[in-house]
Amino acid sequence: MGAGHPECPERLDAIEDRLLSSGLEVALDRREAPIAPLNDIELAHGRRYVNALRGLSEGLKEEILAGGPAHAQVDPDTSINVHTWDAALRSAGAVLAATDAVIAGEMPNAFCSVRPPGHHASRDKAGGFCFFNNVAIAAKYALERHGLKKVAIVDFDVHHGNGTEDIVAGDSRILMVSFYQHPFYPLDYVHSQASNLVNMPVPAYTKGMEVRELIESTWMPRLENFAPEMIFISAGFDAHREDDMGQMGLVEQDYAWITQRIKDVARRHAKGRIVSCLEGGYALSALGRSVEAHIRVLADV
């Protein structure tokens, strides 16, 4: 995204370093992310949009050869460089490959440590550091390619997953539950009133115990009643108290607790099947620690 941007390569380095230093890395089945096929991307995004994004990437390569800029702005916070197209395809490809592996029984669940994130990408628009909506693509993929009947999306990023909501609103096969700081980015988004959405806006400075109580009273009854066959997580860790991208007060133990509650639902209804995908999280130390806590619960270690 350019020098000084919070959505930086060091985010994945921080996760990798934490997994290595904690000893957790040796317990994991590590896999490289493949390129996502465009016909699977188009389960959640319009073909025109996908072609436009690819055209922007190719045009940027030509501009650089002619001495032009290394980045092109997509919105005030989001830029694209010559590697973004491939990175976004692999980001989505990771979640699709994880979905295949979990449904095939090769692994009970998976965490996708990927950039760029995805939950602000709507059907026909990039934004909020996001280009392809990884979790929405995977949810549609599980339904359309694997024949599942019902899947859930859980989003615990500090920012509302407006792009995911745009893609899944009104699809009765998908239940989306989320909490997020409000009012906050994206301020201009008009929420859908579709019955398959459980939005849980919370004010700035909300702490973990308050979020836990809301999850028990709001998320859990809907998830239990819906009985999803698979759960996808938009795992943003920017609601951590050390992350100044938001003003919430969660800590690692809260992310572990939330993960366990999701895992409880998956065990009862979804054969334990969970695919989690990295979204936000910009305070590097807190990000690494929070991802470790999340993965320890998923991996039972």
C-alpha atoms as a PDB file:
ATOM      1  CA  MET A   1       0.000   0.000   0.000  1.00  0.00           C
ATOM      2  CA  GLY A   2       3.029   2.283   0.234  1.00  0.00           C
ATOM      3  CA  ALA A   3       5.472   3.382   2.908  1.00  0.00           C
ATOM      4  CA  GLY A   4       3.968   3.953   6.355  1.00  0.00           C
ATOM      5  CA  HIS A   5       0.637   2.279   5.559  1.00  0.00           C
ATOM      6  CA  PRO A   6      -0.762   0.138   8.422  1.00  0.00           C
ATOM      7  CA  GLU A   7      -1.698  -2.715   6.055  1.00  0.00           C
ATOM      8  CA  CYS A   8       1.934  -3.724   5.591  1.00  0.00           C
ATOM      9  CA  PRO A   9       4.000  -6.891   4.999  1.00  0.00           C
ATOM     10  CA  GLU A  10       5.270  -6.717   8.566  1.00  0.00           C
ATOM     11  CA  ARG A  11       1.849  -7.892   9.743  1.00  0.00           C
ATOM     12  CA  LEU A  12       2.455 -11.406   8.439  1.00  0.00           C
ATOM     13  CA  ASP A  13       6.043 -11.299   9.704  1.00  0.00           C
ATOM     14  CA  ALA A  14       4.730 -10.538  13.208  1.00  0.00           C
ATOM     15  CA  ILE A  15       2.428 -13.558  13.077  1.00  0.00           C
ATOM     16  CA  GLU A  16       5.196 -15.790  11.749  1.00  0.00           C
ATOM     17  CA  ASP A  17       7.636 -14.605  14.412  1.00  0.00           C
ATOM     18  CA  ARG A  18       5.117 -15.231  17.190  1.00  0.00           C
ATOM     19  CA  LEU A  19       4.295 -18.742  15.976  1.00  0.00           C
ATOM     20  CA  LEU A  20       8.013 -19.539  15.849  1.00  0.00           C
ATOM     21  CA  SER A  21       8.906 -18.044  19.233  1.00  0.00           C
ATOM     22  CA  SER A  22       5.943 -19.715  20.957  1.00  0.00           C
ATOM     23  CA  GLY A  23       6.804 -23.136  19.543  1.00  0.00           C
ATOM     24  CA  LEU A  24       3.350 -23.375  17.994  1.00  0.00           C
ATOM     25  CA  GLU A  25       4.661 -23.403  14.430  1.00  0.00           C
ATOM     26  CA  VAL A  26       5.948 -26.988  14.690  1.00  0.00           C
ATOM     27  CA  ALA A  27       2.447 -28.274  15.522  1.00  0.00           C
ATOM     28  CA  LEU A  28       0.832 -26.841  12.390  1.00  0.00           C
ATOM     29  CA  ASP A  29       0.213 -28.278   8.932  1.00  0.00           C
ATOM     30  CA  ARG A  30       1.562 -25.446   6.789  1.00  0.00           C
ATOM     31  CA  ARG A  31       0.423 -25.005   3.197  1.00  0.00           C
ATOM     32  CA  GLU A  32       1.138 -22.429   0.504  1.00  0.00           C
ATOM     33  CA  ALA A  33      -1.734 -20.419  -0.929  1.00  0.00           C
ATOM     34  CA  PRO A  34      -2.724 -21.242  -4.522  1.00  0.00           C
ATOM     35  CA  ILE A  35      -4.115 -18.824  -7.094  1.00  0.00           C
ATOM     36  CA  ALA A  36      -7.925 -18.613  -6.906  1.00  0.00           C
ATOM     37  CA  PRO A  37      -9.730 -19.344 -10.195  1.00  0.00           C
ATOM     38  CA  LEU A  38     -11.606 -16.309 -11.504  1.00  0.00           C
ATOM     39  CA  ASN A  39     -14.853 -18.250 -11.848  1.00  0.00           C
ATOM     40  CA  ASP A  40     -14.745 -18.846  -8.083  1.00  0.00           C
ATOM     41  CA  ILE A  41     -13.942 -15.183  -7.385  1.00  0.00           C
ATOM     42  CA  GLU A  42     -17.038 -14.336  -9.429  1.00  0.00           C
ATOM     43  CA  LEU A  43     -19.265 -16.266  -7.035  1.00  0.00           C
ATOM     44  CA  ALA A  44     -19.078 -13.123  -4.871  1.00  0.00           C
ATOM     45  CA  HIS A  45     -17.910 -10.391  -7.276  1.00  0.00           C
ATOM     46  CA  GLY A  46     -19.213  -9.087 -10.586  1.00  0.00           C
ATOM     47  CA  ARG A  47     -17.208 -10.004 -13.671  1.00  0.00           C
ATOM     48  CA  ARG A  48     -16.954  -6.361 -14.687  1.00  0.00           C
ATOM     49  CA  TYR A  49     -15.380  -5.466 -11.366  1.00  0.00           C
ATOM     50  CA  VAL A  50     -12.896  -8.351 -11.537  1.00  0.00           C
ATOM     51  CA  ASN A  51     -11.886  -7.364 -15.076  1.00  0.00           C
ATOM     52  CA  ALA A  52     -11.541  -3.712 -14.073  1.00  0.00           C
ATOM     53  CA  LEU A  53      -9.234  -4.606 -11.177  1.00  0.00           C
ATOM     54  CA  ARG A  54      -7.087  -6.760 -13.428  1.00  0.00           C
ATOM     55  CA  GLY A  55      -6.998  -3.964 -16.024  1.00  0.00           C
ATOM     56  CA  LEU A  56      -5.899  -1.469 -13.394  1.00  0.00           C
ATOM     57  CA  SER A  57      -3.046  -3.774 -12.386  1.00  0.00           C
ATOM     58  CA  GLU A  58      -1.916  -4.306 -15.976  1.00  0.00           C
ATOM     59  CA  GLY A  59      -2.173  -0.584 -16.724  1.00  0.00           C
ATOM     60  CA  LEU A  60      -0.027   0.199 -13.714  1.00  0.00           C
ATOM     61  CA  LYS A  61       2.736  -2.085 -15.018  1.00  0.00           C
ATOM     62  CA  GLU A  62       2.771  -0.135 -18.275  1.00  0.00           C
ATOM     63  CA  GLU A  63       2.849   3.196 -16.428  1.00  0.00           C
ATOM     64  CA  ILE A  64       5.799   2.092 -14.287  1.00  0.00           C
ATOM     65  CA  LEU A  65       7.740   1.072 -17.398  1.00  0.00           C
ATOM     66  CA  ALA A  66       7.078   4.572 -18.727  1.00  0.00           C
ATOM     67  CA  GLY A  67       8.367   6.146 -15.510  1.00  0.00           C
ATOM     68  CA  GLY A  68       4.999   6.529 -13.818  1.00  0.00           C
ATOM     69  CA  PRO A  69       4.034   6.009 -10.127  1.00  0.00           C
ATOM     70  CA  ALA A  70       4.420   2.647  -8.346  1.00  0.00           C
ATOM     71  CA  HIS A  71       0.934   2.806  -6.831  1.00  0.00           C
ATOM     72  CA  ALA A  72      -2.571   3.753  -7.960  1.00  0.00           C
ATOM     73  CA  GLN A  73      -5.233   4.912  -5.481  1.00  0.00           C
ATOM     74  CA  VAL A  74      -8.466   2.905  -5.330  1.00  0.00           C
ATOM     75  CA  ASP A  75      -9.911   5.026  -2.519  1.00  0.00           C
ATOM     76  CA  PRO A  76      -8.326   7.476  -0.043  1.00  0.00           C
ATOM     77  CA  ASP A  77      -7.067   4.627   2.168  1.00  0.00           C
ATOM     78  CA  THR A  78      -6.407   1.912  -0.398  1.00  0.00           C
ATOM     79  CA  SER A  79      -3.871   1.649  -3.180  1.00  0.00           C
ATOM     80  CA  ILE A  80      -2.832  -1.011  -5.662  1.00  0.00           C
ATOM     81  CA  ASN A  81       0.648  -1.884  -6.914  1.00  0.00           C
ATOM     82  CA  VAL A  82       1.833  -4.317  -9.584  1.00  0.00           C
ATOM     83  CA  HIS A  83       1.812  -7.235  -7.119  1.00  0.00           C
ATOM     84  CA  THR A  84      -1.634  -6.598  -5.625  1.00  0.00           C
ATOM     85  CA  TRP A  85      -3.573  -8.586  -8.236  1.00  0.00           C
ATOM     86  CA  ASP A  86      -1.534 -11.745  -7.633  1.00  0.00           C
ATOM     87  CA  ALA A  87      -1.564 -11.260  -3.861  1.00  0.00           C
ATOM     88  CA  ALA A  88      -5.349 -10.846  -3.832  1.00  0.00           C
ATOM     89  CA  LEU A  89      -5.780 -13.998  -5.929  1.00  0.00           C
ATOM     90  CA  ARG A  90      -3.608 -15.959  -3.502  1.00  0.00           C
ATOM     91  CA  SER A  91      -5.390 -14.477  -0.500  1.00  0.00           C
ATOM     92  CA  ALA A  92      -8.709 -15.744  -1.849  1.00  0.00           C
ATOM     93  CA  GLY A  93      -7.045 -18.942  -3.029  1.00  0.00           C
ATOM     94  CA  ALA A  94      -5.852 -19.722   0.492  1.00  0.00           C
ATOM     95  CA  VAL A  95      -9.389 -19.623   1.847  1.00  0.00           C
ATOM     96  CA  LEU A  96     -10.722 -21.764  -1.010  1.00  0.00           C
ATOM     97  CA  ALA A  97      -7.945 -24.337  -0.534  1.00  0.00           C
ATOM     98  CA  ALA A  98      -8.612 -24.362   3.195  1.00  0.00           C
ATOM     99  CA  THR A  99     -12.318 -24.911   2.515  1.00  0.00           C
ATOM    100  CA  ASP A 100     -11.514 -27.864   0.257  1.00  0.00           C
ATOM    101  CA  ALA A 101      -9.151 -29.383   2.834  1.00  0.00           C
ATOM    102  CA  VAL A 102     -11.524 -28.997   5.770  1.00  0.00           C
ATOM    103  CA  ILE A 103     -14.537 -30.382   3.891  1.00  0.00           C
ATOM    104  CA  ALA A 104     -12.408 -33.298   2.652  1.00  0.00           C
ATOM    105  CA  GLY A 105     -11.456 -34.086   6.257  1.00  0.00           C
ATOM    106  CA  GLU A 106      -7.745 -33.474   5.669  1.00  0.00           C
ATOM    107  CA  MET A 107      -7.749 -31.084   8.642  1.00  0.00           C
ATOM    108  CA  PRO A 108     -10.433 -30.225  11.214  1.00  0.00           C
ATOM    109  CA  ASN A 109     -10.101 -26.464  10.719  1.00  0.00           C
ATOM    110  CA  ALA A 110      -7.748 -23.893   9.202  1.00  0.00           C
ATOM    111  CA  PHE A 111      -6.415 -20.382   9.713  1.00  0.00           C
ATOM    112  CA  CYS A 112      -5.431 -18.395   6.614  1.00  0.00           C
ATOM    113  CA  SER A 113      -2.632 -15.929   7.338  1.00  0.00           C
ATOM    114  CA  VAL A 114      -3.112 -13.732   4.298  1.00  0.00           C
ATOM    115  CA  ARG A 115      -2.925 -10.230   2.889  1.00  0.00           C
ATOM    116  CA  PRO A 116      -4.694  -8.272   1.537  1.00  0.00           C
ATOM    117  CA  PRO A 117      -7.724  -8.579   3.813  1.00  0.00           C
ATOM    118  CA  GLY A 118     -11.198  -8.837   2.336  1.00  0.00           C
ATOM    119  CA  HIS A 119     -14.259  -7.926   4.383  1.00  0.00           C
ATOM    120  CA  HIS A 120     -14.611  -4.345   3.099  1.00  0.00           C
ATOM    121  CA  ALA A 121     -14.649  -5.475  -0.546  1.00  0.00           C
ATOM    122  CA  SER A 122     -18.238  -5.415  -1.793  1.00  0.00           C
ATOM    123  CA  ARG A 123     -19.584  -7.145  -4.866  1.00  0.00           C
ATOM    124  CA  ASP A 124     -18.417  -4.391  -7.221  1.00  0.00           C
ATOM    125  CA  LYS A 125     -16.092  -2.146  -5.231  1.00  0.00           C
ATOM    126  CA  ALA A 126     -12.711  -2.301  -3.493  1.00  0.00           C
ATOM    127  CA  GLY A 127     -11.975  -0.286  -0.366  1.00  0.00           C
ATOM    128  CA  GLY A 128     -10.773  -0.388   3.221  1.00  0.00           C
ATOM    129  CA  PHE A 129      -7.516  -2.116   2.160  1.00  0.00           C
ATOM    130  CA  CYS A 130      -9.593  -4.899   0.538  1.00  0.00           C
ATOM    131  CA  PHE A 131      -9.952  -6.101  -3.080  1.00  0.00           C
ATOM    132  CA  PHE A 132     -11.571  -9.563  -3.037  1.00  0.00           C
ATOM    133  CA  ASN A 133     -13.835 -10.610  -0.186  1.00  0.00           C
ATOM    134  CA  ASN A 134     -12.065 -13.798   0.830  1.00  0.00           C
ATOM    135  CA  VAL A 135     -14.610 -15.045   3.359  1.00  0.00           C
ATOM    136  CA  ALA A 136     -17.671 -14.256   1.227  1.00  0.00           C
ATOM    137  CA  ILE A 137     -16.084 -16.014  -1.755  1.00  0.00           C
ATOM    138  CA  ALA A 138     -15.359 -19.085   0.375  1.00  0.00           C
ATOM    139  CA  ALA A 139     -18.868 -19.144   1.864  1.00  0.00           C
ATOM    140  CA  LYS A 140     -20.426 -19.037  -1.607  1.00  0.00           C
ATOM    141  CA  TYR A 141     -17.902 -21.644  -2.778  1.00  0.00           C
ATOM    142  CA  ALA A 142     -18.870 -24.056   0.007  1.00  0.00           C
ATOM    143  CA  LEU A 143     -22.508 -23.707  -0.998  1.00  0.00           C
ATOM    144  CA  GLU A 144     -22.143 -23.750  -4.784  1.00  0.00           C
ATOM    145  CA  ARG A 145     -19.158 -26.058  -5.326  1.00  0.00           C
ATOM    146  CA  HIS A 146     -19.458 -28.406  -2.347  1.00  0.00           C
ATOM    147  CA  GLY A 147     -23.232 -28.500  -2.020  1.00  0.00           C
ATOM    148  CA  LEU A 148     -23.506 -27.409   1.609  1.00  0.00           C
ATOM    149  CA  LYS A 149     -26.940 -26.069   2.537  1.00  0.00           C
ATOM    150  CA  LYS A 150     -26.113 -23.609   5.324  1.00  0.00           C
ATOM    151  CA  VAL A 151     -22.937 -21.794   6.377  1.00  0.00           C
ATOM    152  CA  ALA A 152     -22.223 -19.053   8.903  1.00  0.00           C
ATOM    153  CA  ILE A 153     -19.834 -16.106   8.777  1.00  0.00           C
ATOM    154  CA  VAL A 154     -18.522 -14.695  12.062  1.00  0.00           C
ATOM    155  CA  ASP A 155     -16.785 -11.303  11.886  1.00  0.00           C
ATOM    156  CA  PHE A 156     -15.010  -9.927  14.966  1.00  0.00           C
ATOM    157  CA  ASP A 157     -12.969  -7.156  13.328  1.00  0.00           C
ATOM    158  CA  VAL A 158     -13.252  -3.722  14.968  1.00  0.00           C
ATOM    159  CA  HIS A 159     -14.675  -2.404  11.681  1.00  0.00           C
ATOM    160  CA  HIS A 160     -17.988  -3.565  10.251  1.00  0.00           C
ATOM    161  CA  GLY A 161     -17.652  -6.030   7.382  1.00  0.00           C
ATOM    162  CA  ASN A 162     -19.715  -3.902   5.049  1.00  0.00           C
ATOM    163  CA  GLY A 163     -18.448  -5.676   1.950  1.00  0.00           C
ATOM    164  CA  THR A 164     -19.410  -9.086   3.290  1.00  0.00           C
ATOM    165  CA  GLU A 165     -22.824  -7.777   4.244  1.00  0.00           C
ATOM    166  CA  ASP A 166     -23.280  -6.345   0.739  1.00  0.00           C
ATOM    167  CA  ILE A 167     -22.544  -9.749  -0.804  1.00  0.00           C
ATOM    168  CA  VAL A 168     -24.503 -12.047   1.539  1.00  0.00           C
ATOM    169  CA  ALA A 169     -27.475  -9.911   2.638  1.00  0.00           C
ATOM    170  CA  GLY A 170     -30.715 -11.704   1.844  1.00  0.00           C
ATOM    171  CA  ASP A 171     -29.073 -15.079   1.128  1.00  0.00           C
ATOM    172  CA  SER A 172     -30.939 -17.366   3.519  1.00  0.00           C
ATOM    173  CA  ARG A 173     -28.216 -20.017   3.189  1.00  0.00           C
ATOM    174  CA  ILE A 174     -25.735 -17.730   4.980  1.00  0.00           C
ATOM    175  CA  LEU A 175     -26.013 -16.345   8.512  1.00  0.00           C
ATOM    176  CA  MET A 176     -23.602 -13.485   9.237  1.00  0.00           C
ATOM    177  CA  VAL A 177     -22.988 -12.422  12.845  1.00  0.00           C
ATOM    178  CA  SER A 178     -20.647  -9.611  13.819  1.00  0.00           C
ATOM    179  CA  PHE A 179     -19.691  -7.039  16.395  1.00  0.00           C
ATOM    180  CA  TYR A 180     -17.885  -3.811  15.561  1.00  0.00           C
ATOM    181  CA  GLN A 181     -17.181  -0.370  16.945  1.00  0.00           C
ATOM    182  CA  HIS A 182     -19.868   2.176  16.055  1.00  0.00           C
ATOM    183  CA  PRO A 183     -19.868   4.935  14.946  1.00  0.00           C
ATOM    184  CA  PHE A 184     -16.696   4.165  13.030  1.00  0.00           C
ATOM    185  CA  TYR A 185     -15.433   3.305   9.546  1.00  0.00           C
ATOM    186  CA  PRO A 186     -17.238   2.768   7.179  1.00  0.00           C
ATOM    187  CA  LEU A 187     -19.331   5.732   8.310  1.00  0.00           C
ATOM    188  CA  ASP A 188     -21.300   6.151   5.085  1.00  0.00           C
ATOM    189  CA  TYR A 189     -22.465   2.535   4.870  1.00  0.00           C
ATOM    190  CA  VAL A 190     -26.235   1.984   5.063  1.00  0.00           C
ATOM    191  CA  HIS A 191     -26.888  -1.304   6.847  1.00  0.00           C
ATOM    192  CA  SER A 192     -29.166  -3.878   5.308  1.00  0.00           C
ATOM    193  CA  GLN A 193     -32.139  -5.041   7.348  1.00  0.00           C
ATOM    194  CA  ALA A 194     -31.975  -8.551   5.884  1.00  0.00           C
ATOM    195  CA  SER A 195     -32.994 -11.256   8.337  1.00  0.00           C
ATOM    196  CA  ASN A 196     -29.804 -13.289   7.837  1.00  0.00           C
ATOM    197  CA  LEU A 197     -27.648 -10.564   9.429  1.00  0.00           C
ATOM    198  CA  VAL A 198     -26.967 -10.194  13.148  1.00  0.00           C
ATOM    199  CA  ASN A 199     -25.198  -6.831  13.524  1.00  0.00           C
ATOM    200  CA  MET A 200     -23.929  -5.968  16.996  1.00  0.00           C
ATOM    201  CA  PRO A 201     -22.582  -2.382  17.048  1.00  0.00           C
ATOM    202  CA  VAL A 202     -20.800  -1.391  20.261  1.00  0.00           C
ATOM    203  CA  PRO A 203     -19.430   1.975  21.397  1.00  0.00           C
ATOM    204  CA  ALA A 204     -15.774   2.904  21.644  1.00  0.00           C
ATOM    205  CA  TYR A 205     -13.975   1.633  24.760  1.00  0.00           C
ATOM    206  CA  THR A 206     -16.134  -1.473  25.026  1.00  0.00           C
ATOM    207  CA  LYS A 207     -14.132  -4.176  26.799  1.00  0.00           C
ATOM    208  CA  GLY A 208     -13.970  -7.927  26.493  1.00  0.00           C
ATOM    209  CA  MET A 209     -16.440  -8.922  29.207  1.00  0.00           C
ATOM    210  CA  GLU A 210     -19.128  -6.707  27.691  1.00  0.00           C
ATOM    211  CA  VAL A 211     -18.507  -8.234  24.264  1.00  0.00           C
ATOM    212  CA  ARG A 212     -18.688 -11.742  25.749  1.00  0.00           C
ATOM    213  CA  GLU A 213     -22.070 -11.010  27.324  1.00  0.00           C
ATOM    214  CA  LEU A 214     -23.412  -9.665  24.026  1.00  0.00           C
ATOM    215  CA  ILE A 215     -22.121 -12.696  22.137  1.00  0.00           C
ATOM    216  CA  GLU A 216     -23.878 -15.040  24.562  1.00  0.00           C
ATOM    217  CA  SER A 217     -27.170 -13.170  24.334  1.00  0.00           C
ATOM    218  CA  THR A 218     -27.127 -12.194  20.650  1.00  0.00           C
ATOM    219  CA  TRP A 219     -24.863 -14.395  18.506  1.00  0.00           C
ATOM    220  CA  MET A 220     -25.191 -17.729  20.203  1.00  0.00           C
ATOM    221  CA  PRO A 221     -28.979 -18.204  20.031  1.00  0.00           C
ATOM    222  CA  ARG A 222     -28.995 -17.348  16.311  1.00  0.00           C
ATOM    223  CA  LEU A 223     -26.032 -19.590  15.515  1.00  0.00           C
ATOM    224  CA  GLU A 224     -27.523 -22.496  17.464  1.00  0.00           C
ATOM    225  CA  ASN A 225     -30.899 -22.098  15.805  1.00  0.00           C
ATOM    226  CA  PHE A 226     -29.324 -21.787  12.338  1.00  0.00           C
ATOM    227  CA  ALA A 227     -27.135 -24.897  12.830  1.00  0.00           C
ATOM    228  CA  PRO A 228     -24.540 -24.126  10.125  1.00  0.00           C
ATOM    229  CA  GLU A 229     -22.748 -26.935   8.325  1.00  0.00           C
ATOM    230  CA  MET A 230     -19.539 -24.883   8.254  1.00  0.00           C
ATOM    231  CA  ILE A 231     -18.312 -21.649   9.850  1.00  0.00           C
ATOM    232  CA  PHE A 232     -16.106 -19.002   8.248  1.00  0.00           C
ATOM    233  CA  ILE A 233     -14.397 -16.385  10.424  1.00  0.00           C
ATOM    234  CA  SER A 234     -13.368 -12.877   9.417  1.00  0.00           C
ATOM    235  CA  ALA A 235     -10.657 -12.746  12.057  1.00  0.00           C
ATOM    236  CA  GLY A 236      -9.739  -9.128  12.635  1.00  0.00           C
ATOM    237  CA  PHE A 237      -7.644  -8.423  15.728  1.00  0.00           C
ATOM    238  CA  ASP A 238      -7.822  -4.622  15.666  1.00  0.00           C
ATOM    239  CA  ALA A 239     -10.339  -4.514  18.541  1.00  0.00           C
ATOM    240  CA  HIS A 240      -7.337  -5.256  20.789  1.00  0.00           C
ATOM    241  CA  ARG A 241      -6.734  -2.598  23.423  1.00  0.00           C
ATOM    242  CA  GLU A 242      -3.212  -1.939  22.068  1.00  0.00           C
ATOM    243  CA  ASP A 243      -4.379  -1.331  18.497  1.00  0.00           C
ATOM    244  CA  ASP A 244      -4.945   2.339  17.732  1.00  0.00           C
ATOM    245  CA  MET A 245      -6.879   1.568  14.545  1.00  0.00           C
ATOM    246  CA  GLY A 246      -9.858   1.231  16.885  1.00  0.00           C
ATOM    247  CA  GLN A 247     -10.802   2.180  20.414  1.00  0.00           C
ATOM    248  CA  MET A 248     -12.006  -1.105  21.869  1.00  0.00           C
ATOM    249  CA  GLY A 249     -10.535  -3.030  24.792  1.00  0.00           C
ATOM    250  CA  LEU A 250     -10.186  -6.703  23.899  1.00  0.00           C
ATOM    251  CA  VAL A 251      -7.147  -8.789  24.870  1.00  0.00           C
ATOM    252  CA  GLU A 252      -5.787 -12.181  23.808  1.00  0.00           C
ATOM    253  CA  GLN A 253      -7.942 -14.072  26.303  1.00  0.00           C
ATOM    254  CA  ASP A 254     -11.055 -12.554  24.742  1.00  0.00           C
ATOM    255  CA  TYR A 255     -10.072 -13.790  21.291  1.00  0.00           C
ATOM    256  CA  ALA A 256      -9.427 -17.248  22.736  1.00  0.00           C
ATOM    257  CA  TRP A 257     -12.860 -17.216  24.396  1.00  0.00           C
ATOM    258  CA  ILE A 258     -14.629 -16.058  21.232  1.00  0.00           C
ATOM    259  CA  THR A 259     -12.832 -18.747  19.225  1.00  0.00           C
ATOM    260  CA  GLN A 260     -13.896 -21.405  21.734  1.00  0.00           C
ATOM    261  CA  ARG A 261     -17.549 -20.353  21.526  1.00  0.00           C
ATOM    262  CA  ILE A 262     -17.408 -20.514  17.719  1.00  0.00           C
ATOM    263  CA  LYS A 263     -15.728 -23.896  18.004  1.00  0.00           C
ATOM    264  CA  ASP A 264     -18.485 -25.124  20.323  1.00  0.00           C
ATOM    265  CA  VAL A 265     -21.113 -24.313  17.683  1.00  0.00           C
ATOM    266  CA  ALA A 266     -19.020 -25.938  14.951  1.00  0.00           C
ATOM    267  CA  ARG A 267     -18.597 -29.096  17.004  1.00  0.00           C
ATOM    268  CA  ARG A 268     -22.345 -29.413  17.606  1.00  0.00           C
ATOM    269  CA  HIS A 269     -23.568 -28.598  14.112  1.00  0.00           C
ATOM    270  CA  ALA A 270     -20.740 -28.458  11.541  1.00  0.00           C
ATOM    271  CA  LYS A 271     -18.550 -31.500  12.250  1.00  0.00           C
ATOM    272  CA  GLY A 272     -16.074 -29.008  13.726  1.00  0.00           C
ATOM    273  CA  ARG A 273     -15.500 -27.396  10.320  1.00  0.00           C
ATOM    274  CA  ILE A 274     -14.068 -23.870  10.595  1.00  0.00           C
ATOM    275  CA  VAL A 275     -12.031 -21.771   8.172  1.00  0.00           C
ATOM    276  CA  SER A 276     -10.682 -18.553   9.669  1.00  0.00           C
ATOM    277  CA  CYS A 277      -9.183 -15.760   7.580  1.00  0.00           C
ATOM    278  CA  LEU A 278      -7.068 -12.829   8.743  1.00  0.00           C
ATOM    279  CA  GLU A 279      -8.634  -9.386   8.402  1.00  0.00           C
ATOM    280  CA  GLY A 280      -7.401  -6.441  10.493  1.00  0.00           C
ATOM    281  CA  GLY A 281      -4.856  -6.145  13.276  1.00  0.00           C
ATOM    282  CA  TYR A 282      -2.180  -3.453  13.027  1.00  0.00           C
ATOM    283  CA  ALA A 283      -0.399  -3.312  16.394  1.00  0.00           C
ATOM    284  CA  LEU A 284       2.196  -5.915  15.484  1.00  0.00           C
ATOM    285  CA  SER A 285       2.939  -7.421  18.888  1.00  0.00           C
ATOM    286  CA  ALA A 286      -0.741  -7.577  19.840  1.00  0.00           C
ATOM    287  CA  LEU A 287      -1.560  -9.074  16.446  1.00  0.00           C
ATOM    288  CA  GLY A 288       0.988 -11.869  16.860  1.00  0.00           C
ATOM    289  CA  ARG A 289      -0.166 -12.687  20.385  1.00  0.00           C
ATOM    290  CA  SER A 290      -3.840 -12.614  19.442  1.00  0.00           C
ATOM    291  CA  VAL A 291      -3.377 -14.867  16.417  1.00  0.00           C
ATOM    292  CA  GLU A 292      -1.432 -17.291  18.603  1.00  0.00           C
ATOM    293  CA  ALA A 293      -4.328 -17.388  21.097  1.00  0.00           C
ATOM    294  CA  HIS A 294      -6.817 -17.904  18.254  1.00  0.00           C
ATOM    295  CA  ILE A 295      -4.804 -20.726  16.672  1.00  0.00           C
ATOM    296  CA  ARG A 296      -4.153 -22.468  19.982  1.00  0.00           C
ATOM    297  CA  VAL A 297      -7.891 -22.882  20.477  1.00  0.00           C
ATOM    298  CA  LEU A 298      -8.456 -23.995  16.891  1.00  0.00           C
ATOM    299  CA  ALA A 299      -5.601 -26.506  17.112  1.00  0.00           C
ATOM    300  CA  ASP A 300      -6.267 -27.705  20.670  1.00  0.00           C
ATOM    301  CA  VAL A 301      -2.686 -27.030  21.755  1.00  0.00           C
END
